[in-house]
PDB file of N, CA and C in Angstrom:
ATOM      1  N   MET A   1     138.346 117.782  94.146  1.00  0.00           N
ATOM      2  CA  MET A   1     136.951 117.530  93.856  1.00  0.00           C
ATOM      3  C   MET A   1     136.109 118.281  94.879  1.00  0.00           C
ATOM      4  N   PRO A   2     135.158 119.138  94.485  1.00  0.00           N
ATOM      5  CA  PRO A   2     134.376 119.922  95.424  1.00  0.00           C
ATOM      6  C   PRO A   2     133.396 119.034  96.194  1.00  0.00           C
ATOM      7  N   MET A   3     133.151 119.422  97.438  1.00  0.00           N
ATOM      8  CA  MET A   3     132.202 118.682  98.270  1.00  0.00           C
ATOM      9  C   MET A   3     130.829 119.340  98.192  1.00  0.00           C
ATOM     10  N   ALA A   4     129.785 118.549  98.124  1.00  0.00           N
ATOM     11  CA  ALA A   4     128.428 119.085  98.134  1.00  0.00           C
ATOM     12  C   ALA A   4     128.094 119.515  99.551  1.00  0.00           C
ATOM     13  N   ARG A   5     127.347 120.585  99.671  1.00  0.00           N
ATOM     14  CA  ARG A   5     126.938 121.069 100.984  1.00  0.00           C
ATOM     15  C   ARG A   5     125.475 120.738 101.211  1.00  0.00           C
ATOM     16  N   SER A   6     125.152 120.425 102.444  1.00  0.00           N
ATOM     17  CA  SER A   6     123.773 120.135 102.804  1.00  0.00           C
ATOM     18  C   SER A   6     123.187 121.334 103.515  1.00  0.00           C
ATOM     19  N   THR A   7     121.927 121.593 103.250  1.00  0.00           N
ATOM     20  CA  THR A   7     121.244 122.647 103.984  1.00  0.00           C
ATOM     21  C   THR A   7     120.911 122.116 105.376  1.00  0.00           C
ATOM     22  N   PRO A   8     120.669 123.020 106.353  1.00  0.00           N
ATOM     23  CA  PRO A   8     120.282 122.541 107.688  1.00  0.00           C
ATOM     24  C   PRO A   8     119.034 121.669 107.656  1.00  0.00           C
ATOM     25  N   ALA A   9     118.071 122.007 106.792  1.00  0.00           N
ATOM     26  CA  ALA A   9     116.852 121.200 106.718  1.00  0.00           C
ATOM     27  C   ALA A   9     117.161 119.803 106.197  1.00  0.00           C
ATOM     28  N   THR A  10     118.024 119.703 105.199  1.00  0.00           N
ATOM     29  CA  THR A  10     118.400 118.391 104.670  1.00  0.00           C
ATOM     30  C   THR A  10     119.122 117.594 105.738  1.00  0.00           C
ATOM     31  N   TRP A  11     120.026 118.261 106.456  1.00  0.00           N
ATOM     32  CA  TRP A  11     120.748 117.567 107.519  1.00  0.00           C
ATOM     33  C   TRP A  11     119.782 117.084 108.572  1.00  0.00           C
ATOM     34  N   SER A  12     118.825 117.919 108.939  1.00  0.00           N
ATOM     35  CA  SER A  12     117.846 117.552 109.956  1.00  0.00           C
ATOM     36  C   SER A  12     117.038 116.341 109.507  1.00  0.00           C
ATOM     37  N   LEU A  13     116.591 116.362 108.256  1.00  0.00           N
ATOM     38  CA  LEU A  13     115.830 115.241 107.732  1.00  0.00           C
ATOM     39  C   LEU A  13     116.688 113.989 107.696  1.00  0.00           C
ATOM     40  N   SER A  14     117.933 114.131 107.284  1.00  0.00           N
ATOM     41  CA  SER A  14     118.842 112.985 107.255  1.00  0.00           C
ATOM     42  C   SER A  14     119.089 112.452 108.653  1.00  0.00           C
ATOM     43  N   ALA A  15     119.235 113.362 109.622  1.00  0.00           N
ATOM     44  CA  ALA A  15     119.470 112.935 111.007  1.00  0.00           C
ATOM     45  C   ALA A  15     118.276 112.159 111.541  1.00  0.00           C
ATOM     46  N   VAL A  16     117.071 112.627 111.223  1.00  0.00           N
ATOM     47  CA  VAL A  16     115.869 111.913 111.669  1.00  0.00           C
ATOM     48  C   VAL A  16     115.830 110.528 111.042  1.00  0.00           C
ATOM     49  N   ALA A  17     116.089 110.454 109.736  1.00  0.00           N
ATOM     50  CA  ALA A  17     116.055 109.165 109.045  1.00  0.00           C
ATOM     51  C   ALA A  17     117.127 108.234 109.592  1.00  0.00           C
ATOM     52  N   ALA A  18     118.338 108.731 109.729  1.00  0.00           N
ATOM     53  CA  ALA A  18     119.431 107.893 110.228  1.00  0.00           C
ATOM     54  C   ALA A  18     119.144 107.427 111.643  1.00  0.00           C
ATOM     55  N   GLY A  19     118.662 108.323 112.477  1.00  0.00           N
ATOM     56  CA  GLY A  19     118.361 107.949 113.856  1.00  0.00           C
ATOM     57  C   GLY A  19     117.276 106.899 113.936  1.00  0.00           C
ATOM     58  N   ALA A  20     116.251 107.070 113.130  1.00  0.00           N
ATOM     59  CA  ALA A  20     115.158 106.100 113.146  1.00  0.00           C
ATOM     60  C   ALA A  20     115.630 104.745 112.643  1.00  0.00           C
ATOM     61  N   LEU A  21     116.504 104.748 111.655  1.00  0.00           N
ATOM     62  CA  LEU A  21     116.991 103.486 111.113  1.00  0.00           C
ATOM     63  C   LEU A  21     117.984 102.817 112.042  1.00  0.00           C
ATOM     64  N   LEU A  22     118.885 103.594 112.621  1.00  0.00           N
ATOM     65  CA  LEU A  22     119.926 103.012 113.456  1.00  0.00           C
ATOM     66  C   LEU A  22     119.397 102.550 114.801  1.00  0.00           C
ATOM     67  N   VAL A  23     118.575 103.356 115.414  1.00  0.00           N
ATOM     68  CA  VAL A  23     118.112 103.040 116.751  1.00  0.00           C
ATOM     69  C   VAL A  23     116.899 102.128 116.714  1.00  0.00           C
ATOM     70  N   GLY A  24     116.090 102.261 115.683  1.00  0.00           N
ATOM     71  CA  GLY A  24     114.831 101.534 115.652  1.00  0.00           C
ATOM     72  C   GLY A  24     113.866 102.250 116.564  1.00  0.00           C
ATOM     73  N   CYS A  25     112.648 102.190 116.273  1.00  0.00           N
ATOM     74  CA  CYS A  25     111.682 102.989 116.999  1.00  0.00           C
ATOM     75  C   CYS A  25     110.424 102.164 117.124  1.00  0.00           C
ATOM     76  N   SER A  26     109.778 102.279 118.240  1.00  0.00           N
ATOM     77  CA  SER A  26     108.501 101.614 118.390  1.00  0.00           C
ATOM     78  C   SER A  26     107.627 102.440 119.301  1.00  0.00           C
ATOM     79  N   GLY A  27     106.357 102.189 119.243  1.00  0.00           N
ATOM     80  CA  GLY A  27     105.425 102.925 120.079  1.00  0.00           C
ATOM     81  C   GLY A  27     104.272 102.039 120.454  1.00  0.00           C
ATOM     82  N   SER A  28     103.480 102.546 121.358  1.00  0.00           N
ATOM     83  CA  SER A  28     102.258 101.848 121.707  1.00  0.00           C
ATOM     84  C   SER A  28     101.247 102.880 122.183  1.00  0.00           C
ATOM     85  N   VAL A  29      99.996 102.599 121.908  1.00  0.00           N
ATOM     86  CA  VAL A  29      98.934 103.519 122.247  1.00  0.00           C
ATOM     87  C   VAL A  29      97.722 102.722 122.679  1.00  0.00           C
ATOM     88  N   SER A  30      97.091 103.155 123.768  1.00  0.00           N
ATOM     89  CA  SER A  30      95.822 102.561 124.181  1.00  0.00           C
ATOM     90  C   SER A  30      94.701 103.316 123.481  1.00  0.00           C
ATOM     91  N   VAL A  31      93.782 102.587 122.889  1.00  0.00           N
ATOM     92  CA  VAL A  31      92.737 103.220 122.101  1.00  0.00           C
ATOM     93  C   VAL A  31      91.336 103.054 122.684  1.00  0.00           C
ATOM     94  N   GLY A  32      91.129 102.144 123.623  1.00  0.00           N
ATOM     95  CA  GLY A  32      89.860 102.021 124.325  1.00  0.00           C
ATOM     96  C   GLY A  32      88.684 101.530 123.493  1.00  0.00           C
ATOM     97  N   ASN A  33      88.892 100.695 122.516  1.00  0.00           N
ATOM     98  CA  ASN A  33      87.811 100.135 121.700  1.00  0.00           C
ATOM     99  C   ASN A  33      87.796  98.622 121.827  1.00  0.00           C
ATOM    100  N   SER A  34      86.631  98.005 121.503  1.00  0.00           N
ATOM    101  CA  SER A  34      86.587  96.551 121.488  1.00  0.00           C
ATOM    102  C   SER A  34      87.393  96.031 120.301  1.00  0.00           C
ATOM    103  N   GLU A  35      87.361  96.759 119.195  1.00  0.00           N
ATOM    104  CA  GLU A  35      88.187  96.429 118.037  1.00  0.00           C
ATOM    105  C   GLU A  35      89.164  97.592 117.862  1.00  0.00           C
ATOM    106  N   PRO A  36      90.379  97.456 118.402  1.00  0.00           N
ATOM    107  CA  PRO A  36      91.284  98.605 118.436  1.00  0.00           C
ATOM    108  C   PRO A  36      91.659  99.135 117.060  1.00  0.00           C
ATOM    109  N   LYS A  37      91.684 100.451 116.989  1.00  0.00           N
ATOM    110  CA  LYS A  37      92.090 101.151 115.775  1.00  0.00           C
ATOM    111  C   LYS A  37      92.664 102.483 116.248  1.00  0.00           C
ATOM    112  N   LEU A  38      93.765 102.878 115.652  1.00  0.00           N
ATOM    113  CA  LEU A  38      94.418 104.132 116.008  1.00  0.00           C
ATOM    114  C   LEU A  38      94.139 105.140 114.899  1.00  0.00           C
ATOM    115  N   SER A  39      93.563 106.292 115.256  1.00  0.00           N
ATOM    116  CA  SER A  39      93.235 107.298 114.243  1.00  0.00           C
ATOM    117  C   SER A  39      94.503 107.813 113.570  1.00  0.00           C
ATOM    118  N   SER A  40      94.358 108.258 112.339  1.00  0.00           N
ATOM    119  CA  SER A  40      95.511 108.760 111.591  1.00  0.00           C
ATOM    120  C   SER A  40      96.162 109.952 112.296  1.00  0.00           C
ATOM    121  N   ASP A  41      95.365 110.823 112.903  1.00  0.00           N
ATOM    122  CA  ASP A  41      95.923 111.988 113.615  1.00  0.00           C
ATOM    123  C   ASP A  41      96.726 111.571 114.844  1.00  0.00           C
ATOM    124  N   LYS A  42      96.176 110.655 115.622  1.00  0.00           N
ATOM    125  CA  LYS A  42      96.886 110.190 116.821  1.00  0.00           C
ATOM    126  C   LYS A  42      98.147 109.413 116.420  1.00  0.00           C
ATOM    127  N   LEU A  43      98.066 108.649 115.360  1.00  0.00           N
ATOM    128  CA  LEU A  43      99.227 107.918 114.861  1.00  0.00           C
ATOM    129  C   LEU A  43     100.319 108.900 114.448  1.00  0.00           C
ATOM    130  N   ALA A  44      99.964 109.940 113.708  1.00  0.00           N
ATOM    131  CA  ALA A  44     100.942 110.937 113.262  1.00  0.00           C
ATOM    132  C   ALA A  44     101.620 111.605 114.460  1.00  0.00           C
ATOM    133  N   THR A  45     100.842 111.952 115.466  1.00  0.00           N
ATOM    134  CA  THR A  45     101.392 112.585 116.673  1.00  0.00           C
ATOM    135  C   THR A  45     102.342 111.636 117.388  1.00  0.00           C
ATOM    136  N   THR A  46     101.956 110.382 117.533  1.00  0.00           N
ATOM    137  CA  THR A  46     102.790 109.396 118.228  1.00  0.00           C
ATOM    138  C   THR A  46     104.082 109.130 117.461  1.00  0.00           C
ATOM    139  N   VAL A  47     103.990 108.977 116.142  1.00  0.00           N
ATOM    140  CA  VAL A  47     105.195 108.749 115.322  1.00  0.00           C
ATOM    141  C   VAL A  47     106.135 109.939 115.442  1.00  0.00           C
ATOM    142  N   SER A  48     105.600 111.156 115.386  1.00  0.00           N
ATOM    143  CA  SER A  48     106.411 112.364 115.510  1.00  0.00           C
ATOM    144  C   SER A  48     107.132 112.407 116.852  1.00  0.00           C
ATOM    145  N   GLU A  49     106.413 112.104 117.922  1.00  0.00           N
ATOM    146  CA  GLU A  49     107.006 112.104 119.263  1.00  0.00           C
ATOM    147  C   GLU A  49     108.101 111.048 119.393  1.00  0.00           C
ATOM    148  N   LYS A  50     107.852 109.859 118.867  1.00  0.00           N
ATOM    149  CA  LYS A  50     108.839 108.774 118.971  1.00  0.00           C
ATOM    150  C   LYS A  50     110.093 109.084 118.157  1.00  0.00           C
ATOM    151  N   LEU A  51     109.924 109.621 116.943  1.00  0.00           N
ATOM    152  CA  LEU A  51     111.096 109.966 116.133  1.00  0.00           C
ATOM    153  C   LEU A  51     111.906 111.078 116.802  1.00  0.00           C
ATOM    154  N   ALA A  52     111.233 112.063 117.376  1.00  0.00           N
ATOM    155  CA  ALA A  52     111.927 113.152 118.061  1.00  0.00           C
ATOM    156  C   ALA A  52     112.711 112.612 119.260  1.00  0.00           C
ATOM    157  N   ALA A  53     112.094 111.735 120.023  1.00  0.00           N
ATOM    158  CA  ALA A  53     112.772 111.169 121.196  1.00  0.00           C
ATOM    159  C   ALA A  53     113.959 110.298 120.787  1.00  0.00           C
ATOM    160  N   THR A  54     113.809 109.548 119.707  1.00  0.00           N
ATOM    161  CA  THR A  54     114.864 108.653 119.243  1.00  0.00           C
ATOM    162  C   THR A  54     116.070 109.402 118.702  1.00  0.00           C
ATOM    163  N   THR A  55     115.808 110.539 118.018  1.00  0.00           N
ATOM    164  CA  THR A  55     116.882 111.265 117.341  1.00  0.00           C
ATOM    165  C   THR A  55     117.373 112.499 118.093  1.00  0.00           C
ATOM    166  N   ASN A  56     116.712 112.842 119.209  1.00  0.00           N
ATOM    167  CA  ASN A  56     117.025 114.076 119.941  1.00  0.00           C
ATOM    168  C   ASN A  56     116.920 115.303 119.044  1.00  0.00           C
ATOM    169  N   GLN A  57     115.941 115.286 118.142  1.00  0.00           N
ATOM    170  CA  GLN A  57     115.644 116.399 117.235  1.00  0.00           C
ATOM    171  C   GLN A  57     114.238 116.911 117.580  1.00  0.00           C
ATOM    172  N   PRO A  58     113.898 118.128 117.110  1.00  0.00           N
ATOM    173  CA  PRO A  58     112.515 118.598 117.300  1.00  0.00           C
ATOM    174  C   PRO A  58     111.535 117.648 116.621  1.00  0.00           C
ATOM    175  N   LYS A  59     110.281 117.684 117.057  1.00  0.00           N
ATOM    176  CA  LYS A  59     109.259 116.826 116.467  1.00  0.00           C
ATOM    177  C   LYS A  59     109.107 117.157 114.986  1.00  0.00           C
ATOM    178  N   PRO A  60     109.231 116.155 114.129  1.00  0.00           N
ATOM    179  CA  PRO A  60     109.044 116.389 112.697  1.00  0.00           C
ATOM    180  C   PRO A  60     107.561 116.485 112.345  1.00  0.00           C
ATOM    181  N   ASP A  61     107.273 117.083 111.194  1.00  0.00           N
ATOM    182  CA  ASP A  61     105.916 117.177 110.677  1.00  0.00           C
ATOM    183  C   ASP A  61     105.580 115.838 110.010  1.00  0.00           C
ATOM    184  N   ILE A  62     104.665 115.107 110.619  1.00  0.00           N
ATOM    185  CA  ILE A  62     104.268 113.781 110.128  1.00  0.00           C
ATOM    186  C   ILE A  62     102.792 113.810 109.759  1.00  0.00           C
ATOM    187  N   THR A  63     102.457 113.215 108.621  1.00  0.00           N
ATOM    188  CA  THR A  63     101.055 113.013 108.253  1.00  0.00           C
ATOM    189  C   THR A  63     100.860 111.536 107.925  1.00  0.00           C
ATOM    190  N   CYS A  64      99.735 111.016 108.357  1.00  0.00           N
ATOM    191  CA  CYS A  64      99.372 109.621 108.071  1.00  0.00           C
ATOM    192  C   CYS A  64      98.003 109.647 107.386  1.00  0.00           C
ATOM    193  N   PRO A  65      97.876 109.025 106.221  1.00  0.00           N
ATOM    194  CA  PRO A  65      96.646 109.128 105.440  1.00  0.00           C
ATOM    195  C   PRO A  65      95.485 108.251 105.926  1.00  0.00           C
ATOM    196  N   GLU A  66      95.784 107.288 106.790  1.00  0.00           N
ATOM    197  CA  GLU A  66      94.719 106.366 107.199  1.00  0.00           C
ATOM    198  C   GLU A  66      94.925 105.915 108.639  1.00  0.00           C
ATOM    199  N   ASP A  67      93.842 105.408 109.230  1.00  0.00           N
ATOM    200  CA  ASP A  67      93.903 104.846 110.568  1.00  0.00           C
ATOM    201  C   ASP A  67      94.732 103.568 110.539  1.00  0.00           C
ATOM    202  N   LEU A  68      95.260 103.193 111.701  1.00  0.00           N
ATOM    203  CA  LEU A  68      96.027 101.952 111.821  1.00  0.00           C
ATOM    204  C   LEU A  68      95.166 100.923 112.544  1.00  0.00           C
ATOM    205  N   ALA A  69      94.877  99.821 111.856  1.00  0.00           N
ATOM    206  CA  ALA A  69      94.071  98.745 112.440  1.00  0.00           C
ATOM    207  C   ALA A  69      94.875  98.018 113.516  1.00  0.00           C
ATOM    208  N   GLY A  70      94.221  97.666 114.593  1.00  0.00           N
ATOM    209  CA  GLY A  70      94.872  96.963 115.692  1.00  0.00           C
ATOM    210  C   GLY A  70      94.947  95.477 115.450  1.00  0.00           C
ATOM    211  N   LYS A  71      95.622  95.078 114.383  1.00  0.00           N
ATOM    212  CA  LYS A  71      95.820  93.672 114.045  1.00  0.00           C
ATOM    213  C   LYS A  71      97.310  93.461 113.817  1.00  0.00           C
ATOM    214  N   VAL A  72      97.862  92.418 114.408  1.00  0.00           N
ATOM    215  CA  VAL A  72      99.286  92.120 114.226  1.00  0.00           C
ATOM    216  C   VAL A  72      99.577  91.996 112.734  1.00  0.00           C
ATOM    217  N   GLY A  73     100.612  92.695 112.298  1.00  0.00           N
ATOM    218  CA  GLY A  73     101.010  92.678 110.902  1.00  0.00           C
ATOM    219  C   GLY A  73     100.405  93.800 110.070  1.00  0.00           C
ATOM    220  N   ALA A  74      99.408  94.517 110.604  1.00  0.00           N
ATOM    221  CA  ALA A  74      98.817  95.632 109.858  1.00  0.00           C
ATOM    222  C   ALA A  74      99.878  96.713 109.657  1.00  0.00           C
ATOM    223  N   THR A  75      99.846  97.347 108.495  1.00  0.00           N
ATOM    224  CA  THR A  75     100.831  98.376 108.178  1.00  0.00           C
ATOM    225  C   THR A  75     100.153  99.612 107.602  1.00  0.00           C
ATOM    226  N   THR A  76     100.861 100.709 107.661  1.00  0.00           N
ATOM    227  CA  THR A  76     100.462 101.933 106.979  1.00  0.00           C
ATOM    228  C   THR A  76     101.718 102.733 106.687  1.00  0.00           C
ATOM    229  N   ARG A  77     101.582 103.704 105.815  1.00  0.00           N
ATOM    230  CA  ARG A  77     102.705 104.573 105.449  1.00  0.00           C
ATOM    231  C   ARG A  77     102.361 106.004 105.840  1.00  0.00           C
ATOM    232  N   CYS A  78     103.280 106.649 106.496  1.00  0.00           N
ATOM    233  CA  CYS A  78     103.150 108.046 106.854  1.00  0.00           C
ATOM    234  C   CYS A  78     104.236 108.817 106.113  1.00  0.00           C
ATOM    235  N   THR A  79     104.137 110.137 106.139  1.00  0.00           N
ATOM    236  CA  THR A  79     105.113 110.974 105.451  1.00  0.00           C
ATOM    237  C   THR A  79     105.657 112.022 106.403  1.00  0.00           C
ATOM    238  N   LEU A  80     106.984 112.119 106.447  1.00  0.00           N
ATOM    239  CA  LEU A  80     107.670 113.164 107.197  1.00  0.00           C
ATOM    240  C   LEU A  80     108.015 114.258 106.183  1.00  0.00           C
ATOM    241  N   THR A  81     107.625 115.499 106.484  1.00  0.00           N
ATOM    242  CA  THR A  81     107.925 116.619 105.597  1.00  0.00           C
ATOM    243  C   THR A  81     108.854 117.587 106.313  1.00  0.00           C
ATOM    244  N   ALA A  82     110.016 117.839 105.705  1.00  0.00           N
ATOM    245  CA  ALA A  82     111.006 118.763 106.275  1.00  0.00           C
ATOM    246  C   ALA A  82     110.615 120.203 105.943  1.00  0.00           C
ATOM    247  N   LYS A  83     111.250 121.138 106.622  1.00  0.00           N
ATOM    248  CA  LYS A  83     110.956 122.558 106.403  1.00  0.00           C
ATOM    249  C   LYS A  83     111.230 122.993 104.972  1.00  0.00           C
ATOM    250  N   ASP A  84     112.163 122.340 104.280  1.00  0.00           N
ATOM    251  CA  ASP A  84     112.461 122.717 102.894  1.00  0.00           C
ATOM    252  C   ASP A  84     111.510 122.061 101.894  1.00  0.00           C
ATOM    253  N   GLY A  85     110.533 121.285 102.380  1.00  0.00           N
ATOM    254  CA  GLY A  85     109.549 120.640 101.521  1.00  0.00           C
ATOM    255  C   GLY A  85     109.908 119.232 101.083  1.00  0.00           C
ATOM    256  N   SER A  86     111.138 118.782 101.372  1.00  0.00           N
ATOM    257  CA  SER A  86     111.490 117.406 101.032  1.00  0.00           C
ATOM    258  C   SER A  86     110.722 116.450 101.950  1.00  0.00           C
ATOM    259  N   THR A  87     110.524 115.235 101.481  1.00  0.00           N
ATOM    260  CA  THR A  87     109.723 114.274 102.233  1.00  0.00           C
ATOM    261  C   THR A  87     110.465 112.956 102.425  1.00  0.00           C
ATOM    262  N   LEU A  88     110.047 112.244 103.439  1.00  0.00           N
ATOM    263  CA  LEU A  88     110.617 110.940 103.746  1.00  0.00           C
ATOM    264  C   LEU A  88     109.470 110.029 104.151  1.00  0.00           C
ATOM    265  N   GLY A  89     109.389 108.856 103.535  1.00  0.00           N
ATOM    266  CA  GLY A  89     108.362 107.892 103.894  1.00  0.00           C
ATOM    267  C   GLY A  89     108.691 107.216 105.215  1.00  0.00           C
ATOM    268  N   VAL A  90     107.655 106.932 105.978  1.00  0.00           N
ATOM    269  CA  VAL A  90     107.809 106.268 107.269  1.00  0.00           C
ATOM    270  C   VAL A  90     106.805 105.120 107.316  1.00  0.00           C
ATOM    271  N   SER A  91     107.311 103.899 107.511  1.00  0.00           N
ATOM    272  CA  SER A  91     106.452 102.716 107.603  1.00  0.00           C
ATOM    273  C   SER A  91     106.124 102.426 109.058  1.00  0.00           C
ATOM    274  N   VAL A  92     104.884 102.049 109.303  1.00  0.00           N
ATOM    275  CA  VAL A  92     104.428 101.681 110.644  1.00  0.00           C
ATOM    276  C   VAL A  92     103.827 100.286 110.543  1.00  0.00           C
ATOM    277  N   LYS A  93     104.262  99.394 111.447  1.00  0.00           N
ATOM    278  CA  LYS A  93     103.768  98.014 111.419  1.00  0.00           C
ATOM    279  C   LYS A  93     103.389  97.579 112.834  1.00  0.00           C
ATOM    280  N   VAL A  94     102.185  97.054 112.984  1.00  0.00           N
ATOM    281  CA  VAL A  94     101.702  96.571 114.282  1.00  0.00           C
ATOM    282  C   VAL A  94     102.452  95.295 114.639  1.00  0.00           C
ATOM    283  N   THR A  95     103.066  95.302 115.834  1.00  0.00           N
ATOM    284  CA  THR A  95     103.821  94.135 116.294  1.00  0.00           C
ATOM    285  C   THR A  95     103.032  93.281 117.278  1.00  0.00           C
ATOM    286  N   SER A  96     102.152  93.917 118.043  1.00  0.00           N
ATOM    287  CA  SER A  96     101.304  93.166 118.969  1.00  0.00           C
ATOM    288  C   SER A  96     100.140  94.039 119.413  1.00  0.00           C
ATOM    289  N   VAL A  97      99.103  93.376 119.876  1.00  0.00           N
ATOM    290  CA  VAL A  97      97.936  94.058 120.415  1.00  0.00           C
ATOM    291  C   VAL A  97      97.618  93.407 121.748  1.00  0.00           C
ATOM    292  N   GLU A  98      97.555  94.236 122.787  1.00  0.00           N
ATOM    293  CA  GLU A  98      97.258  93.740 124.140  1.00  0.00           C
ATOM    294  C   GLU A  98      96.011  94.452 124.630  1.00  0.00           C
ATOM    295  N   GLY A  99      94.853  93.791 124.462  1.00  0.00           N
ATOM    296  CA  GLY A  99      93.594  94.433 124.818  1.00  0.00           C
ATOM    297  C   GLY A  99      93.346  95.601 123.884  1.00  0.00           C
ATOM    298  N   ASP A 100      93.329  96.833 124.462  1.00  0.00           N
ATOM    299  CA  ASP A 100      93.125  98.014 123.624  1.00  0.00           C
ATOM    300  C   ASP A 100      94.429  98.762 123.335  1.00  0.00           C
ATOM    301  N   LYS A 101      95.556  98.133 123.630  1.00  0.00           N
ATOM    302  CA  LYS A 101      96.867  98.746 123.411  1.00  0.00           C
ATOM    303  C   LYS A 101      97.503  98.176 122.143  1.00  0.00           C
ATOM    304  N   ILE A 102      97.831  99.086 121.202  1.00  0.00           N
ATOM    305  CA  ILE A 102      98.450  98.693 119.934  1.00  0.00           C
ATOM    306  C   ILE A 102      99.939  99.021 120.010  1.00  0.00           C
ATOM    307  N   ASN A 103     100.783  98.007 119.833  1.00  0.00           N
ATOM    308  CA  ASN A 103     102.233  98.203 119.810  1.00  0.00           C
ATOM    309  C   ASN A 103     102.698  98.136 118.361  1.00  0.00           C
ATOM    310  N   PHE A 104     103.586  99.056 117.982  1.00  0.00           N
ATOM    311  CA  PHE A 104     104.017  99.083 116.591  1.00  0.00           C
ATOM    312  C   PHE A 104     105.462  99.530 116.467  1.00  0.00           C
ATOM    313  N   ASP A 105     106.077  99.148 115.341  1.00  0.00           N
ATOM    314  CA  ASP A 105     107.430  99.574 114.986  1.00  0.00           C
ATOM    315  C   ASP A 105     107.333 100.660 113.931  1.00  0.00           C
ATOM    316  N   ILE A 106     108.333 101.549 113.948  1.00  0.00           N
ATOM    317  CA  ILE A 106     108.404 102.662 113.008  1.00  0.00           C
ATOM    318  C   ILE A 106     109.740 102.562 112.282  1.00  0.00           C
ATOM    319  N   LYS A 107     109.717 102.673 110.954  1.00  0.00           N
ATOM    320  CA  LYS A 107     110.960 102.651 110.177  1.00  0.00           C
ATOM    321  C   LYS A 107     110.885 103.696 109.075  1.00  0.00           C
ATOM    322  N   ALA A 108     111.870 104.603 109.079  1.00  0.00           N
ATOM    323  CA  ALA A 108     111.952 105.617 108.032  1.00  0.00           C
ATOM    324  C   ALA A 108     112.645 105.029 106.805  1.00  0.00           C
ATOM    325  N   ASP A 109     112.256 105.518 105.626  1.00  0.00           N
ATOM    326  CA  ASP A 109     112.907 105.102 104.394  1.00  0.00           C
ATOM    327  C   ASP A 109     114.377 105.518 104.404  1.00  0.00           C
ATOM    328  N   ASP A 110     115.170 104.892 103.553  1.00  0.00           N
ATOM    329  CA  ASP A 110     116.593 105.202 103.450  1.00  0.00           C
ATOM    330  C   ASP A 110     116.861 106.534 102.759  1.00  0.00           C
ATOM    331  N   THR A 111     115.983 106.926 101.835  1.00  0.00           N
ATOM    332  CA  THR A 111     116.237 108.102 101.014  1.00  0.00           C
ATOM    333  C   THR A 111     115.032 109.039 101.017  1.00  0.00           C
ATOM    334  N   ALA A 112     115.315 110.343 101.131  1.00  0.00           N
ATOM    335  CA  ALA A 112     114.265 111.363 101.087  1.00  0.00           C
ATOM    336  C   ALA A 112     113.979 111.741  99.645  1.00  0.00           C
ATOM    337  N   SER A 113     112.755 112.224  99.404  1.00  0.00           N
ATOM    338  CA  SER A 113     112.387 112.773  98.096  1.00  0.00           C
ATOM    339  C   SER A 113     112.587 114.278  98.142  1.00  0.00           C
ATOM    340  N   PRO A 114     113.162 114.852  97.101  1.00  0.00           N
ATOM    341  CA  PRO A 114     113.393 116.303  97.107  1.00  0.00           C
ATOM    342  C   PRO A 114     112.081 117.078  97.110  1.00  0.00           C
ATOM    343  N   ALA A 115     112.168 118.341  97.529  1.00  0.00           N
ATOM    344  CA  ALA A 115     111.002 119.204  97.540  1.00  0.00           C
ATOM    345  C   ALA A 115     110.531 119.443  96.105  1.00  0.00           C
ATOM    346  N   PRO A 116     109.218 119.560  95.903  1.00  0.00           N
ATOM    347  CA  PRO A 116     108.713 119.861  94.560  1.00  0.00           C
ATOM    348  C   PRO A 116     109.165 121.262  94.153  1.00  0.00           C
ATOM    349  N   ASN A 117     109.354 121.480  92.873  1.00  0.00           N
ATOM    350  CA  ASN A 117     109.807 122.794  92.391  1.00  0.00           C
ATOM    351  C   ASN A 117     108.720 123.797  92.338  1.00  0.00           C
TER     352      ASN A 117
END
């Protein structure tokens, strides 16, 4: 029975997903507001840095469509896009807020979506 081969980009995306799922990932950011909120750009940068550190891979391309509210239990979804165009959803959930510091967990989806044709 022939074995399917993975491209380096697919392997990289799988490694990021597996690493994020196995190790678990969390982050925290100080935002300096009376009502803390983390901008979508800063959230994307922080998620990318945390996933790279967790998996010992280069920083993935992450986009987050909305700001993250500094309220325990608040969630948002970001997207990791691999070089081959395939994508992986990444969930972010606020675990605690300490003054202007937002602490959150990051979890990548189990399965990537293939690149559009």
